[in-house]
Amino acid sequence: SIPPTTDQYNNSSLNVGGGETPIVDSRKVYEAVDPLIKKEFITKGIKYITNLSQSNGPGLPWSTIYQTNDKSKVEQFLTENNIQYKWYDNQSTNQSTSSSSSSSSSSNLFTSRVGIVVKEHPITKEKLWFNHAHLFHPTDLPFDTQQMLKKIYHNDYFKYPKYCCFNTKDNEPIPNSYLKHIRSILWKHSIIFKWKKYDVLILDNHLTAHGRMSFEG
């Protein structure tokens, strides 16, 4: 059998304030999500959208995300992972339904991919809640940031730095109430602890969702 992917974290100093690593059992999240919401997510699927600039724009530039300045390497990765993409400049309009296109001289990158909602653990075969809808949706951002993005993009969510919706023909929005419900479950089942010097944490990356709290230092 294939061993589960593991992540390792360590803390060699205490010069950071905050920065806790919340962890949550994805089996518990799967079981706790409302059955009707769960069914709708599984039936419709999730589509993830990103708009990445070359250097100056909201969020990280594509060269940082993909760890290269070579567009051909980015395109190769996207193609191999069945991610639709389009290069565009600030004057052109990105299209959510566009097919892969060559890089030309445009510097901004639009991507669209379909992600899974639930997966089976590779060894135990248990059901796991396995998606990032709660993180990709604008409602995850502070209210002031949400308002700023609305002014910049006039509620055209497919121009946002990141966005997600149901994977339907009309790109049906995910109700905010669904995302609020999911976030509440994630926090309810999260374990949060203070790091101590030389702590080491090893996680089953299939079984355990994880993140990082804000920090100083």
Protein backbone atom coordinates (compact mmCIF):
# COMPACT_ATOMS: atom_id res chain seq x y z
CA SER A 1 0.00 0.00 0.00
CA ILE A 2 1.05 3.61 -0.57
CA PRO A 3 2.00 5.43 2.64
CA PRO A 4 0.17 8.70 3.23
CA THR A 5 1.92 11.94 2.42
CA THR A 6 3.33 13.54 5.53
CA ASP A 7 4.21 17.13 6.38
CA GLN A 8 6.82 18.03 8.97
CA TYR A 9 6.99 21.29 10.92
CA ASN A 10 9.51 22.45 13.47
CA ASN A 11 10.12 25.51 15.60
CA SER A 12 13.77 26.32 16.34
CA SER A 13 13.18 29.72 17.96
CA LEU A 14 10.64 31.67 19.94
CA ASN A 15 11.16 35.03 18.20
CA VAL A 16 7.68 34.93 16.65
CA GLY A 17 4.45 36.08 18.27
CA GLY A 18 1.46 34.02 17.25
CA GLY A 19 1.88 31.71 14.25
CA GLU A 20 0.06 28.74 15.77
CA THR A 21 -0.66 25.84 13.43
CA PRO A 22 -4.36 24.89 13.64
CA ILE A 23 -4.93 21.25 12.69
CA VAL A 24 -8.22 19.44 12.11
CA ASP A 25 -9.23 15.85 11.40
CA SER A 26 -10.77 15.84 7.90
CA ARG A 27 -12.84 12.77 8.79
CA LYS A 28 -14.62 14.73 11.50
CA VAL A 29 -15.25 17.63 9.12
CA TYR A 30 -16.74 15.27 6.53
CA GLU A 31 -19.07 13.73 9.10
CA ALA A 32 -20.11 17.10 10.54
CA VAL A 33 -21.00 18.93 7.31
CA ASP A 34 -24.77 19.19 6.84
CA PRO A 35 -25.88 16.25 4.60
CA LEU A 36 -27.73 18.50 2.15
CA ILE A 37 -24.77 20.87 1.79
CA LYS A 38 -22.42 17.93 1.47
CA LYS A 39 -24.56 16.37 -1.26
CA GLU A 40 -24.70 19.63 -3.23
CA PHE A 41 -20.92 20.07 -3.09
CA ILE A 42 -20.29 16.49 -4.17
CA THR A 43 -22.89 16.60 -6.95
CA LYS A 44 -21.81 19.94 -8.43
CA GLY A 45 -18.09 19.95 -7.68
CA ILE A 46 -15.86 22.99 -7.19
CA LYS A 47 -14.16 25.26 -9.70
CA TYR A 48 -11.15 27.29 -8.56
CA ILE A 49 -10.15 30.54 -10.27
CA THR A 50 -6.93 32.55 -9.94
CA ASN A 51 -5.67 35.75 -11.53
CA LEU A 52 -1.95 36.26 -10.98
CA SER A 53 0.14 39.24 -12.01
CA GLN A 54 3.78 39.15 -13.04
CA SER A 55 4.95 41.49 -10.31
CA ASN A 56 2.55 44.18 -9.09
CA GLY A 57 -0.97 43.21 -8.14
CA PRO A 58 -3.07 41.78 -5.32
CA GLY A 59 -1.69 38.54 -3.97
CA LEU A 60 1.50 36.72 -4.87
CA PRO A 61 2.86 36.95 -8.46
CA TRP A 62 2.76 33.84 -10.63
CA SER A 63 6.58 33.65 -10.59
CA THR A 64 6.42 33.15 -6.82
CA ILE A 65 3.52 30.70 -6.93
CA TYR A 66 5.20 28.50 -9.55
CA GLN A 67 8.80 29.23 -8.50
CA THR A 68 9.94 30.24 -11.99
CA ASN A 69 9.97 33.20 -14.37
CA ASP A 70 9.81 30.87 -17.38
CA LYS A 71 6.31 30.92 -18.87
CA SER A 72 6.88 27.70 -20.76
CA LYS A 73 7.57 25.84 -17.50
CA VAL A 74 4.41 27.31 -15.98
CA GLU A 75 2.40 26.24 -19.03
CA GLN A 76 3.87 22.74 -18.86
CA PHE A 77 2.86 22.38 -15.21
CA LEU A 78 -0.65 23.68 -15.87
CA THR A 79 -1.15 21.40 -18.88
CA GLU A 80 0.14 18.32 -17.04
CA ASN A 81 -2.30 19.03 -14.18
CA ASN A 82 -5.34 19.67 -16.40
CA ILE A 83 -5.54 23.34 -15.43
CA GLN A 84 -6.95 25.71 -18.04
CA TYR A 85 -5.06 28.95 -18.41
CA LYS A 86 -4.81 32.16 -20.36
CA TRP A 87 -2.20 34.90 -20.46
CA TYR A 88 -3.63 38.40 -20.69
CA ASP A 89 -2.69 42.04 -20.22
CA ASN A 90 -4.45 44.62 -18.08
CA GLN A 91 -6.53 45.87 -20.98
CA SER A 92 -7.87 42.50 -22.10
CA THR A 93 -10.66 40.49 -20.53
CA ASN A 94 -9.98 37.07 -19.03
CA GLN A 95 -12.54 34.47 -19.97
CA SER A 96 -13.55 31.76 -17.52
CA THR A 97 -14.21 29.31 -20.34
CA SER A 98 -11.02 29.93 -22.33
CA SER A 99 -8.85 27.02 -23.39
CA SER A 100 -5.12 26.92 -22.90
CA SER A 101 -3.37 29.59 -24.91
CA SER A 102 0.22 30.52 -25.71
CA SER A 103 2.04 33.05 -23.58
CA SER A 104 2.71 35.78 -26.19
CA SER A 105 3.73 39.05 -24.49
CA SER A 106 0.97 39.22 -21.89
CA SER A 107 2.10 39.19 -18.29
CA ASN A 108 -0.99 38.23 -16.24
CA LEU A 109 -2.12 34.65 -15.78
CA PHE A 110 -5.70 33.41 -15.46
CA THR A 111 -6.25 29.80 -14.37
CA SER A 112 -9.31 27.64 -13.93
CA ARG A 113 -9.35 24.14 -12.50
CA VAL A 114 -11.87 21.68 -11.17
CA GLY A 115 -11.07 20.31 -7.74
CA ILE A 116 -12.33 17.37 -5.75
CA VAL A 117 -14.65 17.83 -2.78
CA VAL A 118 -14.21 14.54 -0.93
CA LYS A 119 -11.55 11.85 -1.21
CA GLU A 120 -10.80 8.48 0.33
CA HIS A 121 -7.79 8.04 2.54
CA PRO A 122 -5.31 5.93 0.49
CA ILE A 123 -4.90 3.35 3.27
CA THR A 124 -7.96 3.39 5.54
CA LYS A 125 -10.44 4.30 2.74
CA GLU A 126 -12.22 6.67 5.12
CA LYS A 127 -14.05 9.66 3.62
CA LEU A 128 -12.22 12.98 4.00
CA TRP A 129 -13.46 16.55 3.43
CA PHE A 130 -10.74 17.58 0.97
CA ASN A 131 -11.16 21.00 -0.63
CA HIS A 132 -10.31 24.68 -0.21
CA ALA A 133 -13.65 26.33 -0.92
CA HIS A 134 -13.63 28.17 2.41
CA LEU A 135 -10.21 29.66 1.60
CA PHE A 136 -10.67 30.57 -2.07
CA HIS A 137 -13.95 32.39 -1.60
CA PRO A 138 -13.83 36.18 -1.02
CA THR A 139 -15.84 35.83 2.21
CA ASP A 140 -12.68 34.42 3.81
CA LEU A 141 -11.10 37.89 3.56
CA PRO A 142 -11.47 40.77 6.05
CA PHE A 143 -14.52 42.94 5.37
CA ASP A 144 -12.44 45.97 4.31
CA THR A 145 -10.56 43.83 1.79
CA GLN A 146 -13.82 42.46 0.40
CA GLN A 147 -15.11 46.00 -0.10
CA MET A 148 -11.89 47.06 -1.80
CA LEU A 149 -12.06 44.14 -4.25
CA LYS A 150 -15.68 44.94 -5.05
CA LYS A 151 -14.69 48.50 -5.97
CA ILE A 152 -11.76 47.36 -8.11
CA TYR A 153 -13.48 44.52 -9.96
CA HIS A 154 -17.15 45.63 -9.77
CA ASN A 155 -18.21 42.22 -8.44
CA ASP A 156 -16.76 40.43 -11.49
CA TYR A 157 -15.53 37.52 -9.40
CA PHE A 158 -13.66 35.90 -12.28
CA LYS A 159 -11.24 38.83 -12.15
CA TYR A 160 -10.54 38.44 -8.44
CA PRO A 161 -7.06 37.21 -7.38
CA LYS A 162 -8.78 34.01 -6.30
CA TYR A 163 -12.35 32.76 -6.36
CA CYS A 164 -14.33 29.54 -6.28
CA CYS A 165 -17.81 28.50 -7.37
CA PHE A 166 -19.71 25.32 -8.12
CA ASN A 167 -18.54 23.54 -11.26
CA THR A 168 -21.77 24.03 -13.20
CA LYS A 169 -22.38 25.37 -16.72
CA ASP A 170 -23.43 28.73 -15.31
CA ASN A 171 -20.69 28.81 -12.65
CA GLU A 172 -23.25 28.83 -9.86
CA PRO A 173 -22.07 30.78 -6.80
CA ILE A 174 -21.55 28.87 -3.57
CA PRO A 175 -23.96 30.34 -0.99
CA ASN A 176 -22.23 32.32 1.74
CA SER A 177 -24.27 30.40 4.31
CA TYR A 178 -22.66 27.13 3.14
CA LEU A 179 -19.17 28.55 3.59
CA LYS A 180 -20.03 30.00 6.99
CA HIS A 181 -21.30 26.56 8.04
CA ILE A 182 -18.11 24.85 6.85
CA ARG A 183 -15.83 27.37 8.56
CA SER A 184 -17.70 26.95 11.82
CA ILE A 185 -17.16 23.19 11.64
CA LEU A 186 -13.47 23.61 10.88
CA TRP A 187 -12.98 25.89 13.88
CA LYS A 188 -15.10 23.67 16.12
CA HIS A 189 -12.89 20.67 15.45
CA SER A 190 -9.56 22.49 15.25
CA ILE A 191 -6.73 21.86 17.68
CA ILE A 192 -4.58 24.94 18.28
CA PHE A 193 -1.48 24.93 20.44
CA LYS A 194 1.39 27.25 21.29
CA TRP A 195 4.69 26.27 19.71
CA LYS A 196 7.61 25.64 22.06
CA LYS A 197 11.23 25.80 21.05
CA TYR A 198 12.38 22.68 19.16
CA ASP A 199 8.84 21.30 18.81
CA VAL A 200 8.39 18.97 15.83
CA LEU A 201 4.99 18.17 14.31
CA ILE A 202 4.46 15.39 11.76
CA LEU A 203 1.08 15.16 10.03
CA ASP A 204 -0.68 12.78 7.68
CA ASN A 205 -1.37 15.30 4.90
CA HIS A 206 -4.41 13.37 3.66
CA LEU A 207 -6.04 13.03 7.04
CA THR A 208 -5.23 16.40 8.57
CA ALA A 209 -6.06 19.88 7.33
CA HIS A 210 -3.73 22.56 8.63
CA GLY A 211 -3.00 26.26 8.41
CA ARG A 212 -1.22 29.06 10.22
CA MET A 213 -2.47 31.82 12.45
CA SER A 214 -1.28 35.40 11.99
CA PHE A 215 2.07 36.21 13.56
CA GLU A 216 4.56 38.95 14.37
CA GLY A 217 8.32 38.75 14.07
